[in-house]
Amino acid sequence: MAHPANRRPENAKISRELFVLTYGALVAQLCKDYEKDEDVNKYLDSMGYNIGIRLVEDFLARSAVKKCRSYSETTDIIAQNPLVDFVEELPASRSSLCYCSLLSGTIRGALEMIHLAAEVIFLQDTLKGDDVTEIRITFLKKAEIKKYKRNK
């Protein structure tokens, strides 16, 4: 049976939930493997960076998306955070853990792939009692795109 064009298939939600639960299991395992939250944060950021690079490569290869016109438009696109859907709070023993460090790495890697060097830091986190989750993205520089002259 075909799905209407404006309706997403039900398995799209299942896939999202599977991802979120799998991510939770990954963070839990890293917390067992590393004593320091800072080491877990670095590992998650590194994973996210590699994911961000790959996401942009795949996205640009498969879509005819136009360049974002403003930083505001870019932030609207990346503002959704499904990773915390099933997490209510962090254990007291992991107070310095940044559960969503994967996101900061993903954003940093993705921006680098479109020639924008950036520093990405979590400022506020609802999992740490803040009202909102806030990420600071500081653009460091725009990488120059080298143009090559063809020999005639």
Protein backbone atom coordinates (compact mmCIF):
# COMPACT_ATOMS: atom_id res chain seq x y z
CA MET A 1 0.00 0.00 0.00
CA ALA A 2 1.41 3.36 -1.01
CA HIS A 3 1.81 6.16 1.51
CA PRO A 4 0.34 9.59 0.74
CA ALA A 5 3.01 12.02 -0.44
CA ASN A 6 2.59 14.32 2.57
CA ARG A 7 2.75 11.58 5.20
CA ARG A 8 5.95 10.07 6.56
CA PRO A 9 6.07 6.31 6.88
CA GLU A 10 5.69 4.98 10.44
CA ASN A 11 9.16 3.38 10.35
CA ALA A 12 10.74 6.87 10.25
CA LYS A 13 9.74 7.38 13.90
CA ILE A 14 10.93 3.92 14.84
CA SER A 15 14.31 4.64 13.28
CA ARG A 16 14.63 7.89 15.25
CA GLU A 17 13.75 6.15 18.51
CA LEU A 18 16.22 3.37 17.77
CA PHE A 19 18.94 5.95 17.13
CA VAL A 20 18.20 7.84 20.34
CA LEU A 21 18.17 4.68 22.45
CA THR A 22 21.35 3.42 20.78
CA TYR A 23 23.03 6.76 21.48
CA GLY A 24 22.04 6.47 25.13
CA ALA A 25 23.60 3.01 25.28
CA LEU A 26 26.77 4.37 23.64
CA VAL A 27 27.09 7.16 26.21
CA ALA A 28 26.47 4.70 29.05
CA GLN A 29 29.20 2.40 27.73
CA LEU A 30 31.66 5.27 27.34
CA CYS A 31 30.95 6.28 30.95
CA LYS A 32 31.95 2.75 31.98
CA ASP A 33 35.06 2.82 29.78
CA TYR A 34 36.32 6.25 30.87
CA GLU A 35 36.61 7.53 34.42
CA LYS A 36 36.64 11.23 33.54
CA ASP A 37 33.63 12.94 31.98
CA GLU A 38 36.04 15.13 30.02
CA ASP A 39 37.37 12.02 28.24
CA VAL A 40 33.83 10.95 27.36
CA ASN A 41 33.09 14.46 26.11
CA LYS A 42 36.22 14.46 23.90
CA TYR A 43 35.38 11.04 22.48
CA LEU A 44 31.79 12.04 21.69
CA ASP A 45 32.98 15.29 20.11
CA SER A 46 35.47 13.39 17.94
CA MET A 47 32.79 10.94 16.83
CA GLY A 48 30.47 13.84 16.06
CA TYR A 49 33.15 15.63 14.06
CA ASN A 50 33.62 12.60 11.83
CA ILE A 51 29.85 12.22 11.46
CA GLY A 52 29.50 15.91 10.56
CA ILE A 53 32.08 15.63 7.81
CA ARG A 54 30.35 12.60 6.34
CA LEU A 55 26.85 14.11 6.68
CA VAL A 56 27.78 17.16 4.65
CA GLU A 57 29.52 15.08 1.99
CA ASP A 58 26.44 12.87 1.59
CA PHE A 59 23.96 15.73 1.87
CA LEU A 60 25.64 17.88 -0.77
CA ALA A 61 26.13 14.91 -3.09
CA ARG A 62 22.44 13.94 -2.96
CA SER A 63 20.62 17.24 -2.79
CA ALA A 64 20.25 20.41 -4.73
CA VAL A 65 20.09 22.46 -1.55
CA LYS A 66 20.86 26.11 -1.80
CA LYS A 67 23.38 27.77 0.43
CA CYS A 68 21.96 29.09 3.71
CA ARG A 69 21.50 32.84 3.42
CA SER A 70 22.21 33.69 7.03
CA TYR A 71 23.57 32.29 10.27
CA SER A 72 20.02 32.46 11.60
CA GLU A 73 18.80 30.16 8.85
CA THR A 74 21.65 27.77 9.57
CA THR A 75 20.88 27.67 13.29
CA ASP A 76 17.20 26.98 12.61
CA ILE A 77 18.21 23.92 10.62
CA ILE A 78 20.46 22.50 13.34
CA ALA A 79 18.34 23.51 16.36
CA GLN A 80 16.44 20.23 16.71
CA ASN A 81 17.94 17.86 19.30
CA PRO A 82 16.35 14.41 19.47
CA LEU A 83 19.21 12.91 21.51
CA VAL A 84 17.65 13.81 24.86
CA ASP A 85 14.16 12.43 24.12
CA PHE A 86 14.52 9.53 26.56
CA VAL A 87 16.90 11.10 29.09
CA GLU A 88 15.48 12.82 32.14
CA GLU A 89 18.63 13.63 34.10
CA LEU A 90 22.29 12.78 34.40
CA PRO A 91 23.61 10.77 37.34
CA ALA A 92 25.10 12.94 40.11
CA SER A 93 28.44 11.17 39.64
CA ARG A 94 28.57 12.45 36.03
CA SER A 95 27.92 16.14 36.65
CA SER A 96 30.53 17.34 34.15
CA LEU A 97 29.37 15.00 31.38
CA CYS A 98 28.06 16.82 28.32
CA TYR A 99 25.65 14.15 27.10
CA CYS A 100 25.20 15.76 23.70
CA SER A 101 28.88 16.36 22.88
CA LEU A 102 28.28 14.38 19.72
CA LEU A 103 26.23 17.33 18.46
CA SER A 104 28.98 19.87 18.97
CA GLY A 105 31.41 17.68 17.06
CA THR A 106 28.87 17.07 14.31
CA ILE A 107 28.24 20.78 13.91
CA ARG A 108 31.97 21.56 13.92
CA GLY A 109 32.71 18.86 11.32
CA ALA A 110 29.80 19.88 9.10
CA LEU A 111 30.80 23.55 9.18
CA GLU A 112 34.38 22.67 8.33
CA MET A 113 33.18 20.81 5.26
CA ILE A 114 31.55 24.00 3.98
CA HIS A 115 34.75 25.93 4.70
CA LEU A 116 33.75 27.51 8.01
CA ALA A 117 36.11 26.88 10.91
CA ALA A 118 34.21 27.12 14.19
CA GLU A 119 34.41 26.50 17.90
CA VAL A 120 31.25 24.82 19.24
CA ILE A 121 30.52 24.84 22.99
CA PHE A 122 27.48 23.94 25.08
CA LEU A 123 26.55 26.94 27.24
CA GLN A 124 23.35 25.61 28.81
CA ASP A 125 21.88 22.13 28.97
CA THR A 126 18.40 21.07 30.08
CA LEU A 127 19.94 17.85 31.39
CA LYS A 128 21.93 19.97 33.86
CA GLY A 129 18.90 21.89 35.08
CA ASP A 130 18.99 24.82 32.66
CA ASP A 131 15.74 26.04 31.11
CA VAL A 132 17.05 25.56 27.58
CA THR A 133 19.88 23.87 25.76
CA GLU A 134 22.12 26.53 24.25
CA ILE A 135 25.08 25.96 21.98
CA ARG A 136 27.56 28.72 21.15
CA ILE A 137 29.01 28.56 17.69
CA THR A 138 31.95 30.91 17.25
CA PHE A 139 33.01 31.22 13.65
CA LEU A 140 36.79 31.41 13.58
CA LYS A 141 37.41 31.94 9.89
CA LYS A 142 36.13 31.16 6.46
CA ALA A 143 38.59 28.96 4.64
CA GLU A 144 39.64 30.16 1.25
CA ILE A 145 38.62 28.01 -1.66
CA LYS A 146 41.56 27.56 -3.97
CA LYS A 147 40.80 28.03 -7.63
CA TYR A 148 42.93 26.20 -10.09
CA LYS A 149 43.74 27.60 -13.50
CA ARG A 150 43.53 25.22 -16.37
CA ASN A 151 46.44 25.09 -18.76
CA LYS A 152 45.37 25.96 -22.30
